[in-house]
């Protein structure tokens, strides 16, 4: 069975800093996990503040997954990819994750 198309809206304030990082990270994640099955709409609330009020936004950047239902909302820049992917139902919760590097614990004297 084919996966449904994903429709994502990313709400940002301008085109610099965290806003740009959020859009870049989201696109990277979608290309990795949903290649050809997603649409991203970038909404700049600094150009249209009413959108922030209509969507009850209190922090930016924010991402809404509007399709498939139900709507999912996330605030942040998508830097912690595994957590966001599971929370947005973009990958199953039981999908194996890549091993993370850990710092070796050395005692300092």
PDB file of N, CA and C in Angstrom:
ATOM      1  N   UNK A   1       0.839  -1.173   0.000  1.00  0.00           N
ATOM      2  CA  UNK A   1       0.000   0.000   0.000  1.00  0.00           C
ATOM      3  C   UNK A   1       0.889   1.242   0.000  1.00  0.00           C
ATOM      4  N   UNK A   2       0.610   2.191  -0.857  1.00  0.00           N
ATOM      5  CA  UNK A   2       1.401   3.412  -0.971  1.00  0.00           C
ATOM      6  C   UNK A   2       1.153   4.321   0.226  1.00  0.00           C
ATOM      7  N   UNK A   3       2.214   4.995   0.660  1.00  0.00           N
ATOM      8  CA  UNK A   3       2.073   5.946   1.764  1.00  0.00           C
ATOM      9  C   UNK A   3       1.341   7.179   1.265  1.00  0.00           C
ATOM     10  N   UNK A   4       0.521   7.768   2.117  1.00  0.00           N
ATOM     11  CA  UNK A   4      -0.217   8.964   1.696  1.00  0.00           C
ATOM     12  C   UNK A   4       0.725  10.143   1.518  1.00  0.00           C
ATOM     13  N   UNK A   5       0.333  11.107   0.712  1.00  0.00           N
ATOM     14  CA  UNK A   5       1.151  12.310   0.579  1.00  0.00           C
ATOM     15  C   UNK A   5       1.125  13.107   1.887  1.00  0.00           C
ATOM     16  N   UNK A   6       2.213  13.756   2.175  1.00  0.00           N
ATOM     17  CA  UNK A   6       2.323  14.567   3.376  1.00  0.00           C
ATOM     18  C   UNK A   6       2.295  16.035   2.992  1.00  0.00           C
ATOM     19  N   UNK A   7       1.515  16.822   3.725  1.00  0.00           N
ATOM     20  CA  UNK A   7       1.453  18.260   3.516  1.00  0.00           C
ATOM     21  C   UNK A   7       1.899  18.910   4.818  1.00  0.00           C
ATOM     22  N   UNK A   8       2.974  19.700   4.717  1.00  0.00           N
ATOM     23  CA  UNK A   8       3.554  20.346   5.884  1.00  0.00           C
ATOM     24  C   UNK A   8       3.580  21.850   5.679  1.00  0.00           C
ATOM     25  N   UNK A   9       3.272  22.588   6.736  1.00  0.00           N
ATOM     26  CA  UNK A   9       3.382  24.045   6.723  1.00  0.00           C
ATOM     27  C   UNK A   9       4.425  24.410   7.764  1.00  0.00           C
ATOM     28  N   UNK A  10       5.399  25.222   7.375  1.00  0.00           N
ATOM     29  CA  UNK A  10       6.398  25.693   8.330  1.00  0.00           C
ATOM     30  C   UNK A  10       6.219  27.201   8.466  1.00  0.00           C
ATOM     31  N   UNK A  11       5.955  27.628   9.699  1.00  0.00           N
ATOM     32  CA  UNK A  11       5.730  29.036  10.007  1.00  0.00           C
ATOM     33  C   UNK A  11       7.031  29.616  10.547  1.00  0.00           C
ATOM     34  N   UNK A  12       7.504  30.681   9.915  1.00  0.00           N
ATOM     35  CA  UNK A  12       8.770  31.293  10.280  1.00  0.00           C
ATOM     36  C   UNK A  12       8.606  32.798  10.426  1.00  0.00           C
ATOM     37  N   UNK A  13       9.633  33.425  11.010  1.00  0.00           N
ATOM     38  CA  UNK A  13       9.666  34.894  11.125  1.00  0.00           C
ATOM     39  C   UNK A  13      10.885  35.366  10.356  1.00  0.00           C
ATOM     40  N   UNK A  14      10.706  35.663   9.097  1.00  0.00           N
ATOM     41  CA  UNK A  14      11.814  36.098   8.256  1.00  0.00           C
ATOM     42  C   UNK A  14      12.511  34.928   7.585  1.00  0.00           C
ATOM     43  N   UNK A  15      13.666  35.228   6.994  1.00  0.00           N
ATOM     44  CA  UNK A  15      14.373  34.214   6.216  1.00  0.00           C
ATOM     45  C   UNK A  15      15.782  33.954   6.728  1.00  0.00           C
ATOM     46  N   UNK A  16      16.072  34.329   7.964  1.00  0.00           N
ATOM     47  CA  UNK A  16      17.410  34.165   8.518  1.00  0.00           C
ATOM     48  C   UNK A  16      17.375  33.328   9.783  1.00  0.00           C
ATOM     49  N   UNK A  17      18.545  32.946  10.261  1.00  0.00           N
ATOM     50  CA  UNK A  17      18.702  32.291  11.555  1.00  0.00           C
ATOM     51  C   UNK A  17      17.902  31.012  11.706  1.00  0.00           C
ATOM     52  N   UNK A  18      17.178  30.934  12.827  1.00  0.00           N
ATOM     53  CA  UNK A  18      16.401  29.729  13.149  1.00  0.00           C
ATOM     54  C   UNK A  18      15.350  29.424  12.095  1.00  0.00           C
ATOM     55  N   UNK A  19      14.808  30.460  11.492  1.00  0.00           N
ATOM     56  CA  UNK A  19      13.789  30.242  10.460  1.00  0.00           C
ATOM     57  C   UNK A  19      14.377  29.491   9.275  1.00  0.00           C
ATOM     58  N   UNK A  20      15.514  29.958   8.791  1.00  0.00           N
ATOM     59  CA  UNK A  20      16.157  29.302   7.646  1.00  0.00           C
ATOM     60  C   UNK A  20      16.594  27.887   8.022  1.00  0.00           C
ATOM     61  N   UNK A  21      17.140  27.727   9.231  1.00  0.00           N
ATOM     62  CA  UNK A  21      17.581  26.418   9.692  1.00  0.00           C
ATOM     63  C   UNK A  21      16.408  25.436   9.768  1.00  0.00           C
ATOM     64  N   UNK A  22      15.268  25.897  10.258  1.00  0.00           N
ATOM     65  CA  UNK A  22      14.090  25.034  10.363  1.00  0.00           C
ATOM     66  C   UNK A  22      13.649  24.543   8.989  1.00  0.00           C
ATOM     67  N   UNK A  23      13.614  25.430   8.016  1.00  0.00           N
ATOM     68  CA  UNK A  23      13.199  25.049   6.660  1.00  0.00           C
ATOM     69  C   UNK A  23      14.205  24.074   6.061  1.00  0.00           C
ATOM     70  N   UNK A  24      15.491  24.346   6.208  1.00  0.00           N
ATOM     71  CA  UNK A  24      16.526  23.461   5.664  1.00  0.00           C
ATOM     72  C   UNK A  24      16.457  22.079   6.300  1.00  0.00           C
ATOM     73  N   UNK A  25      16.344  22.030   7.622  1.00  0.00           N
ATOM     74  CA  UNK A  25      16.281  20.742   8.315  1.00  0.00           C
ATOM     75  C   UNK A  25      15.043  19.953   7.919  1.00  0.00           C
ATOM     76  N   UNK A  26      13.909  20.637   7.820  1.00  0.00           N
ATOM     77  CA  UNK A  26      12.670  19.961   7.444  1.00  0.00           C
ATOM     78  C   UNK A  26      12.776  19.379   6.037  1.00  0.00           C
ATOM     79  N   UNK A  27      13.331  20.146   5.103  1.00  0.00           N
ATOM     80  CA  UNK A  27      13.497  19.644   3.738  1.00  0.00           C
ATOM     81  C   UNK A  27      14.431  18.441   3.701  1.00  0.00           C
ATOM     82  N   UNK A  28      15.504  18.497   4.486  1.00  0.00           N
ATOM     83  CA  UNK A  28      16.457  17.385   4.538  1.00  0.00           C
ATOM     84  C   UNK A  28      15.782  16.109   5.055  1.00  0.00           C
ATOM     85  N   UNK A  29      15.009  16.257   6.117  1.00  0.00           N
ATOM     86  CA  UNK A  29      14.303  15.114   6.693  1.00  0.00           C
ATOM     87  C   UNK A  29      13.294  14.542   5.704  1.00  0.00           C
ATOM     88  N   UNK A  30      12.544  15.412   5.043  1.00  0.00           N
ATOM     89  CA  UNK A  30      11.531  14.953   4.091  1.00  0.00           C
ATOM     90  C   UNK A  30      12.165  14.249   2.897  1.00  0.00           C
ATOM     91  N   UNK A  31      13.277  14.762   2.413  1.00  0.00           N
ATOM     92  CA  UNK A  31      13.958  14.104   1.292  1.00  0.00           C
ATOM     93  C   UNK A  31      14.464  12.725   1.698  1.00  0.00           C
ATOM     94  N   UNK A  32      14.906  12.605   2.927  1.00  0.00           N
ATOM     95  CA  UNK A  32      15.428  11.327   3.421  1.00  0.00           C
ATOM     96  C   UNK A  32      14.310  10.304   3.634  1.00  0.00           C
ATOM     97  N   UNK A  33      13.201  10.748   4.218  1.00  0.00           N
ATOM     98  CA  UNK A  33      12.147   9.814   4.634  1.00  0.00           C
ATOM     99  C   UNK A  33      10.934   9.765   3.704  1.00  0.00           C
ATOM    100  N   UNK A  34      10.661  10.830   2.970  1.00  0.00           N
ATOM    101  CA  UNK A  34       9.407  10.925   2.212  1.00  0.00           C
ATOM    102  C   UNK A  34       9.628  11.324   0.756  1.00  0.00           C
ATOM    103  N   UNK A  35      10.752  11.025   0.201  1.00  0.00           N
ATOM    104  CA  UNK A  35      11.099  11.487  -1.151  1.00  0.00           C
ATOM    105  C   UNK A  35       9.915  11.338  -2.108  1.00  0.00           C
ATOM    106  N   UNK A  36       9.520  12.491  -2.673  1.00  0.00           N
ATOM    107  CA  UNK A  36       8.443  12.514  -3.650  1.00  0.00           C
ATOM    108  C   UNK A  36       7.041  12.399  -3.083  1.00  0.00           C
ATOM    109  N   UNK A  37       6.919  12.388  -1.756  1.00  0.00           N
ATOM    110  CA  UNK A  37       5.604  12.195  -1.139  1.00  0.00           C
ATOM    111  C   UNK A  37       5.213  13.343  -0.218  1.00  0.00           C
ATOM    112  N   UNK A  38       5.805  14.508  -0.412  1.00  0.00           N
ATOM    113  CA  UNK A  38       5.521  15.599   0.508  1.00  0.00           C
ATOM    114  C   UNK A  38       5.464  16.940  -0.222  1.00  0.00           C
ATOM    115  N   UNK A  39       4.783  17.877   0.441  1.00  0.00           N
ATOM    116  CA  UNK A  39       4.732  19.263   0.003  1.00  0.00           C
ATOM    117  C   UNK A  39       4.994  20.120   1.237  1.00  0.00           C
ATOM    118  N   UNK A  40       5.877  21.103   1.102  1.00  0.00           N
ATOM    119  CA  UNK A  40       6.156  22.027   2.198  1.00  0.00           C
ATOM    120  C   UNK A  40       5.745  23.425   1.769  1.00  0.00           C
ATOM    121  N   UNK A  41       4.935  24.063   2.598  1.00  0.00           N
ATOM    122  CA  UNK A  41       4.550  25.458   2.361  1.00  0.00           C
ATOM    123  C   UNK A  41       5.190  26.296   3.460  1.00  0.00           C
ATOM    124  N   UNK A  42       6.018  27.261   3.076  1.00  0.00           N
ATOM    125  CA  UNK A  42       6.668  28.149   4.039  1.00  0.00           C
ATOM    126  C   UNK A  42       5.807  29.397   4.195  1.00  0.00           C
ATOM    127  N   UNK A  43       5.448  29.710   5.444  1.00  0.00           N
ATOM    128  CA  UNK A  43       4.615  30.870   5.748  1.00  0.00           C
ATOM    129  C   UNK A  43       5.418  31.814   6.634  1.00  0.00           C
ATOM    130  N   UNK A  44       5.696  33.010   6.125  1.00  0.00           N
ATOM    131  CA  UNK A  44       6.455  34.015   6.867  1.00  0.00           C
ATOM    132  C   UNK A  44       5.476  34.912   7.617  1.00  0.00           C
ATOM    133  N   UNK A  45       5.396  34.732   8.933  1.00  0.00           N
ATOM    134  CA  UNK A  45       4.428  35.500   9.717  1.00  0.00           C
ATOM    135  C   UNK A  45       4.848  36.962   9.874  1.00  0.00           C
ATOM    136  N   UNK A  46       6.109  37.280   9.598  1.00  0.00           N
ATOM    137  CA  UNK A  46       6.502  38.690   9.654  1.00  0.00           C
ATOM    138  C   UNK A  46       5.884  39.470   8.495  1.00  0.00           C
ATOM    139  N   UNK A  47       5.554  38.777   7.432  1.00  0.00           N
ATOM    140  CA  UNK A  47       4.884  39.414   6.288  1.00  0.00           C
ATOM    141  C   UNK A  47       3.366  39.378   6.422  1.00  0.00           C
ATOM    142  N   UNK A  48       2.872  38.441   7.209  1.00  0.00           N
ATOM    143  CA  UNK A  48       1.431  38.305   7.396  1.00  0.00           C
ATOM    144  C   UNK A  48       1.159  37.899   8.849  1.00  0.00           C
ATOM    145  N   UNK A  49       1.198  38.848   9.795  1.00  0.00           N
ATOM    146  CA  UNK A  49       1.023  38.533  11.212  1.00  0.00           C
ATOM    147  C   UNK A  49      -0.314  37.898  11.563  1.00  0.00           C
ATOM    148  N   UNK A  50      -1.312  38.146  10.755  1.00  0.00           N
ATOM    149  CA  UNK A  50      -2.640  37.571  11.027  1.00  0.00           C
ATOM    150  C   UNK A  50      -2.597  36.042  11.039  1.00  0.00           C
ATOM    151  N   UNK A  51      -1.714  35.458  10.235  1.00  0.00           N
ATOM    152  CA  UNK A  51      -1.572  34.001  10.179  1.00  0.00           C
ATOM    153  C   UNK A  51      -1.190  33.444  11.550  1.00  0.00           C
ATOM    154  N   UNK A  52      -0.345  34.161  12.276  1.00  0.00           N
ATOM    155  CA  UNK A  52       0.061  33.719  13.612  1.00  0.00           C
ATOM    156  C   UNK A  52      -1.136  33.672  14.557  1.00  0.00           C
ATOM    157  N   UNK A  53      -1.988  34.664  14.465  1.00  0.00           N
ATOM    158  CA  UNK A  53      -3.177  34.709  15.317  1.00  0.00           C
ATOM    159  C   UNK A  53      -4.163  33.611  14.920  1.00  0.00           C
ATOM    160  N   UNK A  54      -4.393  33.466  13.623  1.00  0.00           N
ATOM    161  CA  UNK A  54      -5.340  32.465  13.135  1.00  0.00           C
ATOM    162  C   UNK A  54      -4.929  31.037  13.497  1.00  0.00           C
ATOM    163  N   UNK A  55      -3.614  30.793  13.582  1.00  0.00           N
ATOM    164  CA  UNK A  55      -3.122  29.450  13.889  1.00  0.00           C
ATOM    165  C   UNK A  55      -2.673  29.300  15.335  1.00  0.00           C
ATOM    166  N   UNK A  56      -2.953  30.337  16.154  1.00  0.00           N
ATOM    167  CA  UNK A  56      -2.648  30.305  17.584  1.00  0.00           C
ATOM    168  C   UNK A  56      -1.171  29.988  17.845  1.00  0.00           C
ATOM    169  N   UNK A  57      -0.295  30.645  17.078  1.00  0.00           N
ATOM    170  CA  UNK A  57       1.140  30.425  17.223  1.00  0.00           C
ATOM    171  C   UNK A  57       1.688  31.284  18.345  1.00  0.00           C
ATOM    172  N   UNK A  58       2.431  30.676  19.242  1.00  0.00           N
ATOM    173  CA  UNK A  58       3.053  31.413  20.336  1.00  0.00           C
ATOM    174  C   UNK A  58       4.569  31.355  20.269  1.00  0.00           C
ATOM    175  N   UNK A  59       5.118  30.474  19.418  1.00  0.00           N
ATOM    176  CA  UNK A  59       6.562  30.354  19.251  1.00  0.00           C
ATOM    177  C   UNK A  59       6.858  29.944  17.815  1.00  0.00           C
ATOM    178  N   UNK A  60       8.009  30.387  17.339  1.00  0.00           N
ATOM    179  CA  UNK A  60       8.428  30.073  15.975  1.00  0.00           C
ATOM    180  C   UNK A  60       9.867  29.588  15.995  1.00  0.00           C
ATOM    181  N   UNK A  61      10.290  28.820  15.045  1.00  0.00           N
ATOM    182  CA  UNK A  61       9.527  28.275  13.933  1.00  0.00           C
ATOM    183  C   UNK A  61       8.589  27.164  14.407  1.00  0.00           C
ATOM    184  N   UNK A  62       7.497  27.005  13.680  1.00  0.00           N
ATOM    185  CA  UNK A  62       6.511  25.972  13.988  1.00  0.00           C
ATOM    186  C   UNK A  62       6.183  25.220  12.706  1.00  0.00           C
ATOM    187  N   UNK A  63       5.985  23.911  12.851  1.00  0.00           N
ATOM    188  CA  UNK A  63       5.637  23.075  11.703  1.00  0.00           C
ATOM    189  C   UNK A  63       4.324  22.380  11.993  1.00  0.00           C
ATOM    190  N   UNK A  64       3.416  22.452  11.033  1.00  0.00           N
ATOM    191  CA  UNK A  64       2.146  21.730  11.115  1.00  0.00           C
ATOM    192  C   UNK A  64       2.136  20.672  10.027  1.00  0.00           C
ATOM    193  N   UNK A  65       1.809  19.454  10.394  1.00  0.00           N
ATOM    194  CA  UNK A  65       1.553  18.427   9.391  1.00  0.00           C
ATOM    195  C   UNK A  65       0.046  18.387   9.238  1.00  0.00           C
ATOM    196  N   UNK A  66      -0.449  18.884   8.107  1.00  0.00           N
ATOM    197  CA  UNK A  66      -1.898  18.962   7.912  1.00  0.00           C
ATOM    198  C   UNK A  66      -2.467  17.707   7.263  1.00  0.00           C
ATOM    199  N   UNK A  67      -1.671  17.017   6.503  1.00  0.00           N
ATOM    200  CA  UNK A  67      -2.068  15.725   5.925  1.00  0.00           C
ATOM    201  C   UNK A  67      -0.925  14.755   6.091  1.00  0.00           C
ATOM    202  N   UNK A  68      -1.192  13.512   6.359  1.00  0.00           N
ATOM    203  CA  UNK A  68      -2.495  12.919   6.637  1.00  0.00           C
ATOM    204  C   UNK A  68      -3.009  13.323   8.019  1.00  0.00           C
ATOM    205  N   UNK A  69      -4.308  13.225   8.181  1.00  0.00           N
ATOM    206  CA  UNK A  69      -4.944  13.569   9.445  1.00  0.00           C
ATOM    207  C   UNK A  69      -4.493  12.571  10.507  1.00  0.00           C
ATOM    208  N   UNK A  70      -4.478  12.934  11.760  1.00  0.00           N
ATOM    209  CA  UNK A  70      -4.831  14.226  12.335  1.00  0.00           C
ATOM    210  C   UNK A  70      -3.679  15.221  12.187  1.00  0.00           C
ATOM    211  N   UNK A  71      -4.007  16.488  12.377  1.00  0.00           N
ATOM    212  CA  UNK A  71      -3.000  17.541  12.313  1.00  0.00           C
ATOM    213  C   UNK A  71      -2.018  17.352  13.470  1.00  0.00           C
ATOM    214  N   UNK A  72      -0.736  17.481  13.175  1.00  0.00           N
ATOM    215  CA  UNK A  72       0.317  17.417  14.193  1.00  0.00           C
ATOM    216  C   UNK A  72       1.055  18.749  14.173  1.00  0.00           C
ATOM    217  N   UNK A  73       1.467  19.240  15.344  1.00  0.00           N
ATOM    218  CA  UNK A  73       2.156  20.521  15.442  1.00  0.00           C
ATOM    219  C   UNK A  73       3.460  20.337  16.208  1.00  0.00           C
ATOM    220  N   UNK A  74       4.469  21.093  15.778  1.00  0.00           N
ATOM    221  CA  UNK A  74       5.770  21.025  16.421  1.00  0.00           C
ATOM    222  C   UNK A  74       6.408  22.399  16.400  1.00  0.00           C
ATOM    223  N   UNK A  75       7.063  22.779  17.485  1.00  0.00           N
ATOM    224  CA  UNK A  75       7.804  24.037  17.543  1.00  0.00           C
ATOM    225  C   UNK A  75       9.275  23.690  17.670  1.00  0.00           C
ATOM    226  N   UNK A  76      10.092  24.268  16.801  1.00  0.00           N
ATOM    227  CA  UNK A  76      11.524  24.021  16.855  1.00  0.00           C
ATOM    228  C   UNK A  76      12.128  24.005  15.469  1.00  0.00           C
ATOM    229  N   UNK A  77      13.421  23.682  15.398  1.00  0.00           N
ATOM    230  CA  UNK A  77      14.117  23.761  14.121  1.00  0.00           C
ATOM    231  C   UNK A  77      14.456  22.397  13.517  1.00  0.00           C
ATOM    232  N   UNK A  78      13.918  21.331  14.047  1.00  0.00           N
ATOM    233  CA  UNK A  78      14.116  19.976  13.525  1.00  0.00           C
ATOM    234  C   UNK A  78      15.562  19.510  13.648  1.00  0.00           C
ATOM    235  N   UNK A  79      16.272  19.996  14.640  1.00  0.00           N
ATOM    236  CA  UNK A  79      17.665  19.585  14.831  1.00  0.00           C
ATOM    237  C   UNK A  79      17.759  18.182  15.416  1.00  0.00           C
ATOM    238  N   UNK A  80      16.784  17.761  16.234  1.00  0.00           N
ATOM    239  CA  UNK A  80      16.765  16.423  16.814  1.00  0.00           C
ATOM    240  C   UNK A  80      15.853  15.554  15.958  1.00  0.00           C
ATOM    241  N   UNK A  81      16.398  15.103  14.862  1.00  0.00           N
ATOM    242  CA  UNK A  81      15.626  14.448  13.807  1.00  0.00           C
ATOM    243  C   UNK A  81      14.807  13.253  14.277  1.00  0.00           C
ATOM    244  N   UNK A  82      15.380  12.334  15.036  1.00  0.00           N
ATOM    245  CA  UNK A  82      14.654  11.120  15.429  1.00  0.00           C
ATOM    246  C   UNK A  82      13.389  11.436  16.208  1.00  0.00           C
ATOM    247  N   UNK A  83      13.474  12.351  17.162  1.00  0.00           N
ATOM    248  CA  UNK A  83      12.310  12.693  17.976  1.00  0.00           C
ATOM    249  C   UNK A  83      11.200  13.307  17.133  1.00  0.00           C
ATOM    250  N   UNK A  84      11.556  14.218  16.243  1.00  0.00           N
ATOM    251  CA  UNK A  84      10.549  14.870  15.425  1.00  0.00           C
ATOM    252  C   UNK A  84       9.896  13.893  14.449  1.00  0.00           C
ATOM    253  N   UNK A  85      10.681  13.019  13.877  1.00  0.00           N
ATOM    254  CA  UNK A  85      10.142  12.064  12.913  1.00  0.00           C
ATOM    255  C   UNK A  85       9.099  11.162  13.550  1.00  0.00           C
ATOM    256  N   UNK A  86       9.375  10.656  14.723  1.00  0.00           N
ATOM    257  CA  UNK A  86       8.423   9.784  15.413  1.00  0.00           C
ATOM    258  C   UNK A  86       7.202  10.580  15.840  1.00  0.00           C
ATOM    259  N   UNK A  87       7.393  11.763  16.415  1.00  0.00           N
ATOM    260  CA  UNK A  87       6.278  12.587  16.889  1.00  0.00           C
ATOM    261  C   UNK A  87       5.353  13.028  15.776  1.00  0.00           C
ATOM    262  N   UNK A  88       5.887  13.186  14.590  1.00  0.00           N
ATOM    263  CA  UNK A  88       5.092  13.601  13.443  1.00  0.00           C
ATOM    264  C   UNK A  88       4.560  12.415  12.656  1.00  0.00           C
ATOM    265  N   UNK A  89       4.804  11.220  13.134  1.00  0.00           N
ATOM    266  CA  UNK A  89       4.417   9.990  12.439  1.00  0.00           C
ATOM    267  C   UNK A  89       5.004   9.945  11.035  1.00  0.00           C
ATOM    268  N   UNK A  90       6.233  10.437  10.866  1.00  0.00           N
ATOM    269  CA  UNK A  90       6.904  10.345   9.575  1.00  0.00           C
ATOM    270  C   UNK A  90       7.695   9.051   9.479  1.00  0.00           C
ATOM    271  N   UNK A  91       8.028   8.475  10.630  1.00  0.00           N
ATOM    272  CA  UNK A  91       8.604   7.131  10.670  1.00  0.00           C
ATOM    273  C   UNK A  91       7.913   6.395  11.807  1.00  0.00           C
ATOM    274  N   UNK A  92       7.805   5.073  11.710  1.00  0.00           N
ATOM    275  CA  UNK A  92       7.184   4.322  12.789  1.00  0.00           C
ATOM    276  C   UNK A  92       8.031   4.393  14.051  1.00  0.00           C
ATOM    277  N   UNK A  93       7.388   4.292  15.199  1.00  0.00           N
ATOM    278  CA  UNK A  93       8.075   4.385  16.472  1.00  0.00           C
ATOM    279  C   UNK A  93       9.076   3.253  16.658  1.00  0.00           C
ATOM    280  N   UNK A  94       8.839   2.106  16.026  1.00  0.00           N
ATOM    281  CA  UNK A  94       9.725   0.961  16.207  1.00  0.00           C
ATOM    282  C   UNK A  94      10.819   0.863  15.148  1.00  0.00           C
ATOM    283  N   UNK A  95      10.953   1.868  14.259  1.00  0.00           N
ATOM    284  CA  UNK A  95      12.000   1.851  13.244  1.00  0.00           C
ATOM    285  C   UNK A  95      13.361   1.954  13.923  1.00  0.00           C
ATOM    286  N   UNK A  96      14.310   1.099  13.544  1.00  0.00           N
ATOM    287  CA  UNK A  96      15.625   1.174  14.185  1.00  0.00           C
ATOM    288  C   UNK A  96      16.301   2.507  13.908  1.00  0.00           C
ATOM    289  N   UNK A  97      16.941   3.037  14.920  1.00  0.00           N
ATOM    290  CA  UNK A  97      17.638   4.312  14.804  1.00  0.00           C
ATOM    291  C   UNK A  97      19.124   4.049  14.653  1.00  0.00           C
ATOM    292  N   UNK A  98      19.801   4.962  13.997  1.00  0.00           N
ATOM    293  CA  UNK A  98      21.245   4.855  13.850  1.00  0.00           C
ATOM    294  C   UNK A  98      21.900   5.013  15.213  1.00  0.00           C
ATOM    295  N   UNK A  99      22.977   4.302  15.416  1.00  0.00           N
ATOM    296  CA  UNK A  99      23.695   4.406  16.683  1.00  0.00           C
ATOM    297  C   UNK A  99      24.256   5.814  16.840  1.00  0.00           C
ATOM    298  N   UNK A 100      24.134   6.340  18.022  1.00  0.00           N
ATOM    299  CA  UNK A 100      24.640   7.679  18.296  1.00  0.00           C
ATOM    300  C   UNK A 100      26.001   7.573  18.958  1.00  0.00           C
ATOM    301  N   UNK A 101      26.857   8.523  18.620  1.00  0.00           N
ATOM    302  CA  UNK A 101      28.177   8.558  19.246  1.00  0.00           C
ATOM    303  C   UNK A 101      28.041   9.093  20.658  1.00  0.00           C
ATOM    304  N   UNK A 102      28.811   8.512  21.541  1.00  0.00           N
ATOM    305  CA  UNK A 102      28.834   9.019  22.903  1.00  0.00           C
ATOM    306  C   UNK A 102      30.252   9.414  23.256  1.00  0.00           C
ATOM    307  N   UNK A 103      30.365  10.331  24.145  1.00  0.00           N
ATOM    308  CA  UNK A 103      31.690  10.761  24.601  1.00  0.00           C
ATOM    309  C   UNK A 103      32.235   9.708  25.553  1.00  0.00           C
ATOM    310  N   UNK A 104      33.493   9.452  25.445  1.00  0.00           N
ATOM    311  CA  UNK A 104      34.080   8.522  26.395  1.00  0.00           C
ATOM    312  C   UNK A 104      34.201   9.235  27.728  1.00  0.00           C
ATOM    313  N   UNK A 105      33.937   8.502  28.756  1.00  0.00           N
ATOM    314  CA  UNK A 105      33.995   9.128  30.081  1.00  0.00           C
ATOM    315  C   UNK A 105      35.381   8.898  30.661  1.00  0.00           C
ATOM    316  N   UNK A 106      36.126   9.952  30.694  1.00  0.00           N
ATOM    317  CA  UNK A 106      37.464   9.912  31.287  1.00  0.00           C
ATOM    318  C   UNK A 106      37.442  10.689  32.590  1.00  0.00           C
ATOM    319  N   UNK A 107      38.094  10.136  33.561  1.00  0.00           N
ATOM    320  CA  UNK A 107      38.168  10.892  34.806  1.00  0.00           C
ATOM    321  C   UNK A 107      39.320  11.878  34.720  1.00  0.00           C
ATOM    322  N   UNK A 108      39.075  13.064  35.148  1.00  0.00           N
ATOM    323  CA  UNK A 108      40.092  14.112  35.131  1.00  0.00           C
ATOM    324  C   UNK A 108      40.619  14.323  36.525  1.00  0.00           C
ATOM    325  N   UNK A 109      41.907  14.472  36.598  1.00  0.00           N
ATOM    326  CA  UNK A 109      42.514  14.691  37.919  1.00  0.00           C
ATOM    327  C   UNK A 109      43.296  15.940  37.925  1.00  0.00           C
TER     328      UNK A 109
END
